[in-house]
Amino acid sequence: MEEVVVGIDIGGTNTTIGIVSKAGRVLAKDGLRTKQYPEIADFITAATNIINHQIANIRNDIPNLTLKGIGVGAPNGNPYRGTIENAPNLSWKGIVPLAEMLHKSLKVPCKLTNDAKAAALGEQQFGAAKGMKDFLVITLGTGLGSGIVANGSLIYGFDGFAGELGHVIVVPNGRLCGCGRHGCLETYVSATGLVSTFKELNPKATEAHDARKIAEMAQEGDKTAIEAYRLTGEMLGFALANSVAYTSPEAIFLFGGLIRAGEILFKPTRESFEKQLLNNYKGHIHIHPSALHESDAAVLGAASIIWKG
């Protein structure tokens, strides 16, 4: 008998569904457009059809295949209740009992967590944090997500939503955040934050720029783009140094589209981090890129919810 797990990564635009072995091999991967399913029941039906098709195809090569369970990474995922709760970027409003619905549809256990926390589990199970008991994973995409692992376990807090480093206020009365407050870290350190910083540095620019374009410009030597990355890294290093004071991690891992800029982001981040650290931490905590391949990381992270147990 060979056990596999379904990993589902739900995003506001796209959902990725993969079948993952215990060794971390992605045996099949498919997806659907989340926004095409404004009714959650229709989404569950579509996801179930994809999973059943994937399993049937793999059984052609592995007849003794057994589905152990389903792990889901989702925005505003509550691991205690298996629900997605008031996710602003999803069309399913209110509290959605997603884990229960998938369990009823596929008749196997289903667990759910926040997408960034799933990334931390994936790094621990299959990536560079293997064997570590205390570390942070920071996801740098449209926003900033974080997973804090302490003594081998994710920190969820009383209500399941602990560890939101992206919503620590770093600039009082600063930029408006999607959460409704002003000055949250993710408004400065994220793809969205980078674009805002670039626009502030270059207010006369007539061409629209996204984070990918700014990264290309920085790599080509554009001074404004490089400065935007420097300021972004400086703010990230500052926030990470503060987080060390109350988490004392062995290492910190960065993941997401923003890190494609490489040392253009990592250098100012590490310099700011080291400068702001308490003396007893200096030189002991390192910031690394995630070791997971970006195209599979979300599915591996979601699957890790089940493999970790």
Foldseek 3Di string as FASTA:
>chain_A
DFEWEWFWEDDLFKIKIFIAGLQGDTQDIDIDTQVVPLDVVVVLVVVLVVVVVSVVVVCVVVVPYDYAYYFYAYACQFQVQCWRAQRPSHSDGGIGNVQVSNCVSPVHGYTYAHLQQLLVLLCCSHWDVPPFQFEKEWEAALFIAIWTGHRNHTDQPDGRNPDGQQQDADDAQAPQDPVGHHRGLRCCAHQNNLQVQLCVLPVPDPDRDTLVRLLVCVVVPNPSSLVSLLSNLLSLLLSVQVVCVPRVGQEYEYHYDNCVSPCSNVVSNVVNNLVNHDPVCHPRYYYYYIGDDNVCSSRSSRRSVSSVD
